[in-house]
Amino acid sequence: MSKKHSNNRHLPKGLEILYEDDCLIAVDKPAGLLTVGTATDKTRTVHYILNDYVRKGCAKSRNRVFVVHRLDQWTSGVLLFAKSEEIKLQMQAQWKDTEKKYLAVVLGRLKKKEGMITSYLAENSAYTVFSTTDASKGKLSHTQYKVIKETEKFSLLEVSLLTGRKNQIRVHMADEGHPILGDRKYGKNDNCRRLALHAKSISFKHPATGKQMNFTTKTPAYFNELIQ
């Protein structure tokens, strides 16, 4: 049985359930909310909110959700959770066949209006991801992009994530000299109020029914302000 939610008393304002059935929950994550807890913040997360939601406020309930994938804290958009360990593992096993599209507003205008960025991505001891040509140090990563709209200063891109590495889009766009606006880690201090990266859509085969599922979210209003 599938359900569509818009306003539920167990969900804090800003987190919307796009779809729910007996196996999965898809949400539209707002920028600023963590996917999972950290050592310093365990409760202001999508994982915590959804666990509370499936437990219907009953702390003793054994119901819980399982993390299928993650979005960075300041990235908004579609995020999937499984309702069992088995479904989570099935989703992760087919992850390479899952189509993921993002929207990003980057600094400057790209010479090539569409293309593929490829590099090996590695992570240093400071948890910063970087590109390397050494295949033994990094994981091969592919990011496909297409310019949708541009102004004198900025470009709006549709990005297809062909491999799902940590911070992949952010690092690859910075490598190209076109960092994502609001990226304080890999970009410039441009005073943008949030990271201009949004998980626009996700498409996959349902792990239980085999039905093709597709969830799409609206372009954040902030992105439209940036590229007016």
N, C-alpha and C. Protein backbone atom coordinates (compact mmCIF):
# COMPACT_ATOMS: atom_id res chain seq x y z
N MET A 1 0.85 -1.19 0.00
CA MET A 1 0.00 0.00 0.00
C MET A 1 0.88 1.24 0.00
N SER A 2 0.66 2.14 -0.92
CA SER A 2 1.45 3.36 -0.97
C SER A 2 0.65 4.53 -0.44
N LYS A 3 1.36 5.50 0.10
CA LYS A 3 0.73 6.68 0.68
C LYS A 3 1.48 7.92 0.22
N LYS A 4 0.76 9.00 0.10
CA LYS A 4 1.41 10.26 -0.22
C LYS A 4 1.11 11.23 0.90
N HIS A 5 2.12 11.87 1.41
CA HIS A 5 1.96 12.75 2.56
C HIS A 5 2.35 14.18 2.20
N SER A 6 1.67 15.11 2.83
CA SER A 6 2.08 16.51 2.67
C SER A 6 2.30 17.15 4.04
N ASN A 7 1.49 16.75 5.02
CA ASN A 7 1.63 17.36 6.33
C ASN A 7 1.33 16.30 7.38
N ASN A 8 2.31 15.91 8.17
CA ASN A 8 2.10 14.89 9.17
C ASN A 8 2.60 15.39 10.52
N ARG A 9 1.87 15.10 11.55
CA ARG A 9 2.21 15.67 12.86
C ARG A 9 3.54 15.16 13.41
N HIS A 10 4.01 14.02 12.91
CA HIS A 10 5.29 13.48 13.39
C HIS A 10 6.49 14.09 12.68
N LEU A 11 6.25 14.87 11.62
CA LEU A 11 7.35 15.43 10.85
C LEU A 11 7.52 16.92 11.10
N PRO A 12 8.71 17.35 11.51
CA PRO A 12 8.95 18.79 11.67
C PRO A 12 8.81 19.51 10.34
N LYS A 13 8.45 20.75 10.41
CA LYS A 13 8.26 21.56 9.21
C LYS A 13 9.56 21.57 8.39
N GLY A 14 9.41 21.40 7.08
CA GLY A 14 10.59 21.46 6.22
C GLY A 14 10.98 20.11 5.66
N LEU A 15 10.52 19.02 6.27
CA LEU A 15 10.82 17.68 5.74
C LEU A 15 9.52 17.08 5.20
N GLU A 16 9.48 16.87 3.89
CA GLU A 16 8.26 16.38 3.25
C GLU A 16 8.44 14.95 2.76
N ILE A 17 7.47 14.11 3.04
CA ILE A 17 7.48 12.75 2.51
C ILE A 17 6.90 12.78 1.11
N LEU A 18 7.69 12.33 0.14
CA LEU A 18 7.25 12.29 -1.25
C LEU A 18 6.47 11.01 -1.54
N TYR A 19 6.89 9.92 -0.89
CA TYR A 19 6.29 8.61 -1.15
C TYR A 19 6.60 7.69 0.00
N GLU A 20 5.63 6.79 0.28
CA GLU A 20 5.86 5.79 1.31
C GLU A 20 5.08 4.53 0.98
N ASP A 21 5.71 3.36 1.16
CA ASP A 21 5.00 2.09 1.11
C ASP A 21 5.59 1.19 2.19
N ASP A 22 5.32 -0.11 2.11
CA ASP A 22 5.79 -1.02 3.15
C ASP A 22 7.29 -1.25 3.13
N CYS A 23 7.96 -0.82 2.03
CA CYS A 23 9.39 -1.06 1.88
C CYS A 23 10.24 0.20 1.99
N LEU A 24 9.72 1.32 1.47
CA LEU A 24 10.54 2.52 1.28
C LEU A 24 9.86 3.79 1.77
N ILE A 25 10.68 4.77 2.08
CA ILE A 25 10.21 6.14 2.29
C ILE A 25 11.13 7.05 1.48
N ALA A 26 10.54 7.92 0.65
CA ALA A 26 11.30 8.93 -0.09
C ALA A 26 10.91 10.30 0.47
N VAL A 27 11.91 11.09 0.80
CA VAL A 27 11.65 12.43 1.35
C VAL A 27 12.36 13.49 0.53
N ASP A 28 11.87 14.73 0.68
CA ASP A 28 12.53 15.90 0.09
C ASP A 28 13.25 16.59 1.25
N LYS A 29 14.57 16.38 1.33
CA LYS A 29 15.36 16.90 2.44
C LYS A 29 15.66 18.39 2.26
N PRO A 30 15.39 19.22 3.27
CA PRO A 30 15.78 20.62 3.16
C PRO A 30 17.27 20.81 3.40
N ALA A 31 17.84 21.85 2.85
CA ALA A 31 19.25 22.18 3.10
C ALA A 31 19.43 22.51 4.58
N GLY A 32 20.53 22.04 5.16
CA GLY A 32 20.84 22.32 6.55
C GLY A 32 20.57 21.17 7.49
N LEU A 33 19.77 20.19 7.05
CA LEU A 33 19.44 19.04 7.88
C LEU A 33 20.39 17.89 7.55
N LEU A 34 20.98 17.30 8.57
CA LEU A 34 21.88 16.16 8.38
C LEU A 34 21.09 14.92 7.94
N THR A 35 21.73 14.03 7.19
CA THR A 35 21.09 12.76 6.85
C THR A 35 21.11 11.84 8.07
N VAL A 36 22.28 11.67 8.66
CA VAL A 36 22.44 10.83 9.86
C VAL A 36 23.16 11.63 10.93
N GLY A 37 23.15 11.09 12.14
CA GLY A 37 23.74 11.78 13.27
C GLY A 37 25.26 11.84 13.25
N THR A 38 25.78 12.82 13.96
CA THR A 38 27.22 12.94 14.18
C THR A 38 27.47 12.83 15.68
N ALA A 39 28.74 12.89 16.06
CA ALA A 39 29.08 12.79 17.49
C ALA A 39 28.45 13.93 18.29
N THR A 40 28.26 15.07 17.65
CA THR A 40 27.74 16.25 18.36
C THR A 40 26.26 16.51 18.11
N ASP A 41 25.69 15.90 17.08
CA ASP A 41 24.29 16.16 16.77
C ASP A 41 23.61 14.86 16.32
N LYS A 42 22.85 14.27 17.22
CA LYS A 42 22.22 12.98 16.93
C LYS A 42 20.73 13.08 16.62
N THR A 43 20.11 14.22 16.91
CA THR A 43 18.66 14.30 16.80
C THR A 43 18.15 15.17 15.65
N ARG A 44 18.90 16.18 15.25
CA ARG A 44 18.43 17.04 14.15
C ARG A 44 18.85 16.44 12.81
N THR A 45 18.36 15.23 12.55
CA THR A 45 18.72 14.50 11.34
C THR A 45 17.48 13.88 10.71
N VAL A 46 17.54 13.62 9.41
CA VAL A 46 16.43 12.96 8.73
C VAL A 46 16.22 11.57 9.30
N HIS A 47 17.30 10.87 9.56
CA HIS A 47 17.25 9.51 10.12
C HIS A 47 16.48 9.49 11.43
N TYR A 48 16.79 10.41 12.32
CA TYR A 48 16.13 10.48 13.64
C TYR A 48 14.64 10.82 13.48
N ILE A 49 14.36 11.82 12.63
CA ILE A 49 12.98 12.26 12.42
C ILE A 49 12.12 11.13 11.86
N LEU A 50 12.67 10.38 10.88
CA LEU A 50 11.90 9.29 10.28
C LEU A 50 11.76 8.09 11.22
N ASN A 51 12.77 7.84 12.04
CA ASN A 51 12.63 6.78 13.04
C ASN A 51 11.48 7.11 13.99
N ASP A 52 11.41 8.36 14.42
CA ASP A 52 10.34 8.80 15.29
C ASP A 52 8.99 8.69 14.58
N TYR A 53 8.98 9.02 13.30
CA TYR A 53 7.75 8.96 12.50
C TYR A 53 7.22 7.53 12.39
N VAL A 54 8.09 6.55 12.03
CA VAL A 54 7.61 5.17 11.86
C VAL A 54 7.27 4.52 13.20
N ARG A 55 7.80 5.09 14.29
CA ARG A 55 7.45 4.59 15.62
C ARG A 55 6.19 5.25 16.15
N LYS A 56 5.65 6.21 15.38
CA LYS A 56 4.42 6.93 15.74
C LYS A 56 4.50 7.51 17.16
N GLY A 57 5.71 7.96 17.52
CA GLY A 57 5.87 8.58 18.83
C GLY A 57 6.06 7.60 19.98
N CYS A 58 6.06 6.30 19.66
CA CYS A 58 6.23 5.28 20.71
C CYS A 58 7.70 4.85 20.75
N ALA A 59 8.41 5.28 21.79
CA ALA A 59 9.85 5.04 21.89
C ALA A 59 10.19 3.55 21.95
N LYS A 60 9.26 2.71 22.44
CA LYS A 60 9.53 1.28 22.59
C LYS A 60 9.30 0.49 21.30
N SER A 61 8.75 1.15 20.28
CA SER A 61 8.48 0.46 19.01
C SER A 61 9.79 -0.03 18.39
N ARG A 62 9.70 -1.21 17.75
CA ARG A 62 10.88 -1.76 17.09
C ARG A 62 11.01 -1.26 15.64
N ASN A 63 10.02 -0.52 15.17
CA ASN A 63 10.09 0.02 13.81
C ASN A 63 11.27 0.96 13.67
N ARG A 64 11.92 0.93 12.52
CA ARG A 64 13.02 1.84 12.25
C ARG A 64 13.24 1.94 10.75
N VAL A 65 14.01 2.94 10.36
CA VAL A 65 14.35 3.09 8.94
C VAL A 65 15.85 2.86 8.77
N PHE A 66 16.23 2.50 7.55
CA PHE A 66 17.62 2.17 7.24
C PHE A 66 18.12 3.10 6.13
N VAL A 67 19.34 3.59 6.30
CA VAL A 67 19.92 4.55 5.36
C VAL A 67 20.34 3.85 4.08
N VAL A 68 19.78 4.25 2.95
CA VAL A 68 20.15 3.69 1.65
C VAL A 68 21.33 4.46 1.07
N HIS A 69 21.28 5.79 1.16
CA HIS A 69 22.35 6.67 0.67
C HIS A 69 22.29 7.95 1.48
N ARG A 70 23.21 8.88 1.22
CA ARG A 70 23.26 10.12 2.01
C ARG A 70 23.35 11.34 1.09
N LEU A 71 22.91 12.46 1.63
CA LEU A 71 23.16 13.76 1.02
C LEU A 71 23.92 14.60 2.02
N ASP A 72 24.83 15.44 1.53
CA ASP A 72 25.55 16.36 2.42
C ASP A 72 24.55 17.24 3.16
N GLN A 73 24.96 17.74 4.32
CA GLN A 73 24.07 18.54 5.16
C GLN A 73 23.41 19.70 4.39
N TRP A 74 24.19 20.40 3.56
CA TRP A 74 23.66 21.58 2.88
C TRP A 74 23.18 21.32 1.46
N THR A 75 23.10 20.02 1.10
CA THR A 75 22.48 19.63 -0.17
C THR A 75 21.03 19.25 0.12
N SER A 76 20.11 19.75 -0.70
CA SER A 76 18.70 19.44 -0.53
C SER A 76 18.28 18.39 -1.55
N GLY A 77 17.02 17.89 -1.42
CA GLY A 77 16.48 17.03 -2.46
C GLY A 77 16.11 15.63 -2.04
N VAL A 78 15.94 14.76 -3.04
CA VAL A 78 15.40 13.42 -2.83
C VAL A 78 16.37 12.52 -2.05
N LEU A 79 15.82 11.90 -1.02
CA LEU A 79 16.61 11.02 -0.17
C LEU A 79 15.76 9.78 0.13
N LEU A 80 16.36 8.59 -0.01
CA LEU A 80 15.63 7.33 0.18
C LEU A 80 16.04 6.62 1.46
N PHE A 81 15.05 6.04 2.12
CA PHE A 81 15.28 5.19 3.28
C PHE A 81 14.49 3.90 3.11
N ALA A 82 15.05 2.80 3.62
CA ALA A 82 14.38 1.50 3.56
C ALA A 82 13.75 1.20 4.92
N LYS A 83 12.75 0.34 4.90
CA LYS A 83 12.09 -0.03 6.16
C LYS A 83 12.60 -1.35 6.73
N SER A 84 13.57 -1.95 6.03
CA SER A 84 14.20 -3.18 6.55
C SER A 84 15.62 -3.24 6.04
N GLU A 85 16.43 -4.02 6.74
CA GLU A 85 17.83 -4.22 6.35
C GLU A 85 17.90 -4.90 4.97
N GLU A 86 16.98 -5.84 4.75
CA GLU A 86 16.95 -6.57 3.48
C GLU A 86 16.71 -5.63 2.29
N ILE A 87 15.74 -4.73 2.42
CA ILE A 87 15.43 -3.78 1.35
C ILE A 87 16.60 -2.81 1.15
N LYS A 88 17.20 -2.39 2.24
CA LYS A 88 18.37 -1.50 2.15
C LYS A 88 19.48 -2.15 1.32
N LEU A 89 19.79 -3.40 1.62
CA LEU A 89 20.86 -4.11 0.91
C LEU A 89 20.51 -4.33 -0.56
N GLN A 90 19.23 -4.59 -0.86
CA GLN A 90 18.80 -4.75 -2.25
C GLN A 90 18.95 -3.43 -3.01
N MET A 91 18.57 -2.33 -2.37
CA MET A 91 18.69 -1.02 -3.00
C MET A 91 20.15 -0.67 -3.26
N GLN A 92 21.01 -0.95 -2.30
CA GLN A 92 22.43 -0.64 -2.46
C GLN A 92 23.08 -1.53 -3.52
N ALA A 93 22.60 -2.77 -3.65
CA ALA A 93 23.15 -3.69 -4.65
C ALA A 93 22.84 -3.21 -6.07
N GLN A 94 21.72 -2.51 -6.25
CA GLN A 94 21.34 -2.03 -7.58
C GLN A 94 21.64 -0.54 -7.74
N TRP A 95 22.46 0.01 -6.84
CA TRP A 95 22.69 1.45 -6.83
C TRP A 95 23.34 1.95 -8.12
N LYS A 96 24.20 1.15 -8.71
CA LYS A 96 24.87 1.58 -9.94
C LYS A 96 23.88 1.73 -11.10
N ASP A 97 22.72 1.07 -11.00
CA ASP A 97 21.68 1.18 -12.04
C ASP A 97 20.62 2.23 -11.69
N THR A 98 20.80 2.88 -10.55
CA THR A 98 19.86 3.91 -10.11
C THR A 98 20.27 5.25 -10.74
N GLU A 99 19.33 5.91 -11.39
CA GLU A 99 19.63 7.17 -12.08
C GLU A 99 19.41 8.35 -11.12
N LYS A 100 20.47 9.15 -10.95
CA LYS A 100 20.41 10.27 -10.00
C LYS A 100 20.77 11.57 -10.73
N LYS A 101 19.84 12.52 -10.72
CA LYS A 101 20.09 13.82 -11.35
C LYS A 101 20.07 14.93 -10.31
N TYR A 102 21.00 15.86 -10.46
CA TYR A 102 21.13 16.99 -9.55
C TYR A 102 21.03 18.30 -10.31
N LEU A 103 20.70 19.36 -9.60
CA LEU A 103 20.81 20.72 -10.10
C LEU A 103 21.90 21.42 -9.31
N ALA A 104 22.74 22.19 -9.98
CA ALA A 104 23.81 22.93 -9.30
C ALA A 104 23.95 24.31 -9.95
N VAL A 105 24.14 25.32 -9.12
CA VAL A 105 24.49 26.65 -9.63
C VAL A 105 25.97 26.85 -9.34
N VAL A 106 26.74 27.08 -10.41
CA VAL A 106 28.19 27.20 -10.27
C VAL A 106 28.66 28.59 -10.66
N LEU A 107 29.87 28.90 -10.23
CA LEU A 107 30.47 30.18 -10.54
C LEU A 107 30.96 30.20 -11.99
N GLY A 108 30.64 31.26 -12.71
CA GLY A 108 31.16 31.44 -14.06
C GLY A 108 30.36 30.73 -15.14
N ARG A 109 30.85 30.86 -16.39
CA ARG A 109 30.23 30.24 -17.55
C ARG A 109 31.17 29.19 -18.11
N LEU A 110 30.67 28.01 -18.36
CA LEU A 110 31.51 26.91 -18.85
C LEU A 110 31.71 27.02 -20.36
N LYS A 111 32.95 26.79 -20.79
CA LYS A 111 33.24 26.82 -22.24
C LYS A 111 32.50 25.70 -22.94
N LYS A 112 32.59 24.48 -22.38
CA LYS A 112 31.85 23.35 -22.93
C LYS A 112 30.50 23.29 -22.22
N LYS A 113 29.41 23.38 -22.99
CA LYS A 113 28.08 23.46 -22.39
C LYS A 113 27.57 22.11 -21.89
N GLU A 114 28.23 21.05 -22.31
CA GLU A 114 27.94 19.74 -21.72
C GLU A 114 29.17 18.86 -21.85
N GLY A 115 29.29 17.92 -20.93
CA GLY A 115 30.47 17.08 -20.97
C GLY A 115 30.54 16.12 -19.80
N MET A 116 31.65 15.42 -19.72
CA MET A 116 31.89 14.44 -18.66
C MET A 116 33.18 14.79 -17.94
N ILE A 117 33.14 14.77 -16.62
CA ILE A 117 34.34 14.99 -15.80
C ILE A 117 34.70 13.65 -15.17
N THR A 118 35.94 13.22 -15.36
CA THR A 118 36.39 11.93 -14.85
C THR A 118 37.70 12.09 -14.10
N SER A 119 37.77 11.50 -12.92
CA SER A 119 39.04 11.48 -12.16
C SER A 119 38.95 10.39 -11.11
N TYR A 120 40.07 10.09 -10.50
CA TYR A 120 40.08 9.21 -9.34
C TYR A 120 39.94 10.10 -8.10
N LEU A 121 39.00 9.77 -7.22
CA LEU A 121 38.78 10.58 -6.02
C LEU A 121 39.31 9.86 -4.79
N ALA A 122 40.06 10.61 -4.00
CA ALA A 122 40.62 10.08 -2.76
C ALA A 122 40.29 11.05 -1.63
N GLU A 123 40.53 10.62 -0.39
CA GLU A 123 40.23 11.46 0.77
C GLU A 123 41.44 11.52 1.68
N ASN A 124 41.78 12.73 2.16
CA ASN A 124 42.94 12.85 3.05
C ASN A 124 42.53 12.76 4.52
N SER A 125 43.50 12.89 5.41
CA SER A 125 43.23 12.71 6.84
C SER A 125 42.34 13.81 7.41
N ALA A 126 42.20 14.92 6.68
CA ALA A 126 41.33 16.02 7.13
C ALA A 126 39.91 15.87 6.55
N TYR A 127 39.62 14.68 5.97
CA TYR A 127 38.31 14.37 5.38
C TYR A 127 37.97 15.25 4.18
N THR A 128 39.01 15.73 3.51
CA THR A 128 38.81 16.50 2.29
C THR A 128 39.04 15.58 1.09
N VAL A 129 38.08 15.57 0.18
CA VAL A 129 38.17 14.72 -1.02
C VAL A 129 38.92 15.50 -2.10
N PHE A 130 39.76 14.80 -2.87
CA PHE A 130 40.53 15.45 -3.93
C PHE A 130 40.71 14.49 -5.10
N SER A 131 40.95 15.07 -6.28
CA SER A 131 41.19 14.27 -7.49
C SER A 131 42.65 13.88 -7.59
N THR A 132 42.90 12.68 -8.09
CA THR A 132 44.25 12.21 -8.31
C THR A 132 44.29 11.41 -9.61
N THR A 133 45.47 11.32 -10.20
CA THR A 133 45.62 10.50 -11.41
C THR A 133 46.08 9.09 -11.04
N ASP A 134 46.33 8.88 -9.74
CA ASP A 134 46.83 7.60 -9.25
C ASP A 134 45.66 6.66 -8.95
N ALA A 135 45.50 5.66 -9.79
CA ALA A 135 44.38 4.72 -9.64
C ALA A 135 44.47 3.91 -8.35
N SER A 136 45.68 3.77 -7.81
CA SER A 136 45.83 2.97 -6.59
C SER A 136 45.40 3.76 -5.35
N LYS A 137 45.28 5.07 -5.48
CA LYS A 137 44.93 5.91 -4.31
C LYS A 137 43.46 6.31 -4.28
N GLY A 138 42.82 6.38 -5.47
CA GLY A 138 41.44 6.86 -5.52
C GLY A 138 40.50 5.92 -6.23
N LYS A 139 39.20 6.29 -6.20
CA LYS A 139 38.16 5.52 -6.87
C LYS A 139 37.73 6.26 -8.13
N LEU A 140 37.64 5.53 -9.26
CA LEU A 140 37.27 6.14 -10.52
C LEU A 140 35.86 6.74 -10.42
N SER A 141 35.73 8.00 -10.84
CA SER A 141 34.48 8.73 -10.66
C SER A 141 34.11 9.49 -11.93
N HIS A 142 32.83 9.43 -12.29
CA HIS A 142 32.34 10.09 -13.51
C HIS A 142 31.17 11.02 -13.16
N THR A 143 31.25 12.26 -13.60
CA THR A 143 30.18 13.24 -13.42
C THR A 143 29.82 13.82 -14.78
N GLN A 144 28.56 13.68 -15.17
CA GLN A 144 28.08 14.21 -16.45
C GLN A 144 27.30 15.50 -16.17
N TYR A 145 27.53 16.54 -16.99
CA TYR A 145 26.83 17.81 -16.74
C TYR A 145 26.31 18.41 -18.05
N LYS A 146 25.31 19.29 -17.90
CA LYS A 146 24.75 20.01 -19.03
C LYS A 146 24.29 21.37 -18.54
N VAL A 147 24.68 22.44 -19.25
CA VAL A 147 24.27 23.79 -18.86
C VAL A 147 22.80 23.99 -19.25
N ILE A 148 21.97 24.39 -18.28
CA ILE A 148 20.55 24.61 -18.51
C ILE A 148 20.28 26.10 -18.75
N LYS A 149 20.97 26.94 -17.99
CA LYS A 149 20.78 28.38 -18.09
C LYS A 149 22.03 29.06 -17.58
N GLU A 150 22.34 30.26 -18.09
CA GLU A 150 23.50 30.99 -17.58
C GLU A 150 23.24 32.49 -17.55
N THR A 151 23.89 33.14 -16.60
CA THR A 151 23.89 34.59 -16.51
C THR A 151 25.32 35.04 -16.75
N GLU A 152 25.61 36.32 -16.54
CA GLU A 152 26.99 36.80 -16.72
C GLU A 152 27.94 36.14 -15.73
N LYS A 153 27.44 35.86 -14.52
CA LYS A 153 28.32 35.35 -13.45
C LYS A 153 28.15 33.87 -13.13
N PHE A 154 26.94 33.34 -13.34
CA PHE A 154 26.63 32.00 -12.86
C PHE A 154 26.06 31.10 -13.96
N SER A 155 26.12 29.79 -13.71
CA SER A 155 25.51 28.80 -14.62
C SER A 155 24.70 27.80 -13.80
N LEU A 156 23.51 27.47 -14.34
CA LEU A 156 22.69 26.41 -13.74
C LEU A 156 22.94 25.14 -14.54
N LEU A 157 23.35 24.08 -13.85
CA LEU A 157 23.67 22.81 -14.50
C LEU A 157 22.72 21.72 -14.06
N GLU A 158 22.42 20.80 -15.00
CA GLU A 158 21.83 19.53 -14.61
C GLU A 158 22.97 18.53 -14.61
N VAL A 159 23.13 17.83 -13.51
CA VAL A 159 24.26 16.92 -13.33
C VAL A 159 23.76 15.50 -13.11
N SER A 160 24.33 14.56 -13.85
CA SER A 160 24.02 13.14 -13.64
C SER A 160 25.19 12.49 -12.92
N LEU A 161 24.88 11.88 -11.80
CA LEU A 161 25.92 11.25 -11.00
C LEU A 161 26.06 9.80 -11.45
N LEU A 162 27.11 9.50 -12.20
CA LEU A 162 27.29 8.15 -12.75
C LEU A 162 28.01 7.24 -11.76
N THR A 163 28.70 7.84 -10.80
CA THR A 163 29.27 7.09 -9.67
C THR A 163 28.96 7.93 -8.43
N GLY A 164 28.78 7.29 -7.30
CA GLY A 164 28.34 8.03 -6.11
C GLY A 164 29.42 8.15 -5.04
N ARG A 165 30.44 8.95 -5.30
CA ARG A 165 31.50 9.15 -4.31
C ARG A 165 31.18 10.34 -3.41
N LYS A 166 31.76 10.34 -2.24
CA LYS A 166 31.58 11.44 -1.30
C LYS A 166 32.04 12.77 -1.94
N ASN A 167 31.18 13.80 -1.85
CA ASN A 167 31.49 15.15 -2.35
C ASN A 167 31.85 15.19 -3.83
N GLN A 168 31.46 14.18 -4.60
CA GLN A 168 31.92 14.04 -5.99
C GLN A 168 31.62 15.26 -6.86
N ILE A 169 30.37 15.71 -6.88
CA ILE A 169 30.00 16.83 -7.75
C ILE A 169 30.74 18.09 -7.31
N ARG A 170 30.83 18.30 -6.02
CA ARG A 170 31.49 19.50 -5.48
C ARG A 170 32.96 19.55 -5.89
N VAL A 171 33.65 18.41 -5.78
CA VAL A 171 35.07 18.35 -6.12
C VAL A 171 35.28 18.50 -7.63
N HIS A 172 34.48 17.80 -8.41
CA HIS A 172 34.64 17.85 -9.86
C HIS A 172 34.36 19.25 -10.42
N MET A 173 33.36 19.94 -9.91
CA MET A 173 33.09 21.30 -10.41
C MET A 173 34.20 22.26 -9.98
N ALA A 174 34.72 22.09 -8.77
CA ALA A 174 35.85 22.92 -8.33
C ALA A 174 37.08 22.65 -9.19
N ASP A 175 37.30 21.38 -9.55
CA ASP A 175 38.42 21.03 -10.42
C ASP A 175 38.35 21.76 -11.76
N GLU A 176 37.13 21.96 -12.24
CA GLU A 176 36.91 22.62 -13.54
C GLU A 176 37.04 24.14 -13.44
N GLY A 177 37.22 24.64 -12.23
CA GLY A 177 37.31 26.09 -12.05
C GLY A 177 35.94 26.75 -11.93
N HIS A 178 34.90 25.93 -11.70
CA HIS A 178 33.53 26.43 -11.56
C HIS A 178 32.90 25.83 -10.30
N PRO A 179 33.39 26.26 -9.12
CA PRO A 179 32.86 25.68 -7.87
C PRO A 179 31.38 25.99 -7.68
N ILE A 180 30.71 25.12 -6.95
CA ILE A 180 29.30 25.33 -6.64
C ILE A 180 29.17 26.50 -5.66
N LEU A 181 28.22 27.38 -5.93
CA LEU A 181 28.02 28.54 -5.06
C LEU A 181 27.68 28.07 -3.64
N GLY A 182 28.25 28.77 -2.67
CA GLY A 182 27.99 28.42 -1.28
C GLY A 182 28.83 27.27 -0.76
N ASP A 183 29.76 26.75 -1.56
CA ASP A 183 30.61 25.63 -1.13
C ASP A 183 31.83 26.19 -0.40
N ARG A 184 31.76 26.18 0.93
CA ARG A 184 32.85 26.76 1.73
C ARG A 184 34.04 25.82 1.85
N LYS A 185 33.83 24.55 1.51
CA LYS A 185 34.93 23.57 1.63
C LYS A 185 35.76 23.49 0.36
N TYR A 186 35.11 23.47 -0.80
CA TYR A 186 35.83 23.30 -2.06
C TYR A 186 35.77 24.53 -2.96
N GLY A 187 34.97 25.52 -2.56
CA GLY A 187 34.81 26.70 -3.39
C GLY A 187 35.42 27.94 -2.79
N LYS A 188 34.72 29.05 -2.96
CA LYS A 188 35.19 30.34 -2.47
C LYS A 188 34.17 30.90 -1.48
N ASN A 189 34.62 31.80 -0.64
CA ASN A 189 33.72 32.42 0.32
C ASN A 189 32.89 33.47 -0.42
N ASP A 190 31.77 33.02 -1.03
CA ASP A 190 30.97 33.90 -1.88
C ASP A 190 29.73 34.46 -1.18
N ASN A 191 29.64 34.20 0.14
CA ASN A 191 28.55 34.74 0.97
C ASN A 191 27.17 34.23 0.59
N CYS A 192 27.09 33.13 -0.17
CA CYS A 192 25.79 32.54 -0.47
C CYS A 192 25.26 31.87 0.81
N ARG A 193 23.95 31.91 0.98
CA ARG A 193 23.40 31.44 2.26
C ARG A 193 23.31 29.93 2.38
N ARG A 194 23.46 29.23 1.24
CA ARG A 194 23.45 27.77 1.30
C ARG A 194 24.22 27.22 0.10
N LEU A 195 24.55 25.93 0.16
CA LEU A 195 25.18 25.25 -0.96
C LEU A 195 24.16 25.11 -2.08
N ALA A 196 24.51 25.57 -3.28
CA ALA A 196 23.56 25.55 -4.41
C ALA A 196 23.61 24.21 -5.14
N LEU A 197 23.32 23.13 -4.38
CA LEU A 197 23.30 21.77 -4.94
C LEU A 197 22.03 21.08 -4.47
N HIS A 198 21.27 20.50 -5.41
CA HIS A 198 19.96 19.93 -5.10
C HIS A 198 19.79 18.61 -5.83
N ALA A 199 19.43 17.56 -5.09
CA ALA A 199 19.16 16.25 -5.68
C ALA A 199 17.76 16.31 -6.31
N LYS A 200 17.74 16.57 -7.60
CA LYS A 200 16.48 16.84 -8.31
C LYS A 200 15.59 15.60 -8.45
N SER A 201 16.19 14.48 -8.88
CA SER A 201 15.36 13.30 -9.13
C SER A 201 16.14 12.01 -8.94
N ILE A 202 15.37 10.94 -8.75
CA ILE A 202 15.97 9.63 -8.61
C ILE A 202 15.03 8.61 -9.25
N SER A 203 15.60 7.68 -10.01
CA SER A 203 14.80 6.69 -10.72
C SER A 203 15.41 5.31 -10.52
N PHE A 204 14.58 4.32 -10.18
CA PHE A 204 15.09 2.99 -9.87
C PHE A 204 13.97 1.97 -9.95
N LYS A 205 14.34 0.69 -9.96
CA LYS A 205 13.36 -0.38 -9.92
C LYS A 205 13.05 -0.71 -8.46
N HIS A 206 11.76 -0.78 -8.15
CA HIS A 206 11.34 -1.08 -6.78
C HIS A 206 11.88 -2.46 -6.39
N PRO A 207 12.56 -2.57 -5.25
CA PRO A 207 13.20 -3.83 -4.87
C PRO A 207 12.22 -4.98 -4.63
N ALA A 208 10.97 -4.68 -4.34
CA ALA A 208 9.99 -5.76 -4.08
C ALA A 208 9.11 -6.04 -5.29
N THR A 209 8.67 -4.99 -6.00
CA THR A 209 7.72 -5.18 -7.10
C THR A 209 8.36 -5.17 -8.47
N GLY A 210 9.57 -4.60 -8.59
CA GLY A 210 10.22 -4.48 -9.89
C GLY A 210 9.70 -3.32 -10.71
N LYS A 211 8.72 -2.59 -10.17
CA LYS A 211 8.14 -1.46 -10.89
C LYS A 211 9.13 -0.30 -10.94
N GLN A 212 9.16 0.41 -12.09
CA GLN A 212 10.05 1.56 -12.22
C GLN A 212 9.50 2.73 -11.40
N MET A 213 10.30 3.24 -10.50
CA MET A 213 9.90 4.34 -9.62
C MET A 213 10.68 5.59 -10.02
N ASN A 214 10.02 6.73 -9.96
CA ASN A 214 10.69 7.99 -10.27
C ASN A 214 10.17 9.09 -9.36
N PHE A 215 11.06 9.75 -8.65
CA PHE A 215 10.68 10.84 -7.77
C PHE A 215 11.41 12.11 -8.22
N THR A 216 10.66 13.17 -8.42
CA THR A 216 11.23 14.44 -8.87
C THR A 216 10.78 15.55 -7.94
N THR A 217 11.68 16.47 -7.64
CA THR A 217 11.36 17.60 -6.76
C THR A 217 11.45 18.91 -7.53
N LYS A 218 10.85 19.94 -6.97
CA LYS A 218 10.89 21.27 -7.60
C LYS A 218 12.28 21.89 -7.45
N THR A 219 12.62 22.76 -8.38
CA THR A 219 13.85 23.54 -8.27
C THR A 219 13.71 24.50 -7.08
N PRO A 220 14.67 24.51 -6.15
CA PRO A 220 14.58 25.44 -5.02
C PRO A 220 14.44 26.89 -5.50
N ALA A 221 13.59 27.64 -4.83
CA ALA A 221 13.36 29.04 -5.21
C ALA A 221 14.66 29.83 -5.20
N TYR A 222 15.56 29.48 -4.29
CA TYR A 222 16.84 30.19 -4.17
C TYR A 222 17.66 30.07 -5.45
N PHE A 223 17.60 28.91 -6.12
CA PHE A 223 18.35 28.72 -7.36
C PHE A 223 17.82 29.67 -8.44
N ASN A 224 16.49 29.81 -8.48
CA ASN A 224 15.89 30.71 -9.46
C ASN A 224 16.30 32.17 -9.20
N GLU A 225 16.44 32.52 -7.91
CA GLU A 225 16.91 33.88 -7.57
C GLU A 225 18.32 34.10 -8.09
N LEU A 226 19.17 33.09 -7.95
CA LEU A 226 20.57 33.23 -8.34
C LEU A 226 20.75 33.40 -9.85
N ILE A 227 19.85 32.76 -10.63
CA ILE A 227 20.07 32.78 -12.09
C ILE A 227 19.04 33.64 -12.83
N GLN A 228 18.38 34.53 -12.11
CA GLN A 228 17.45 35.47 -12.77
C GLN A 228 18.21 36.30 -13.80
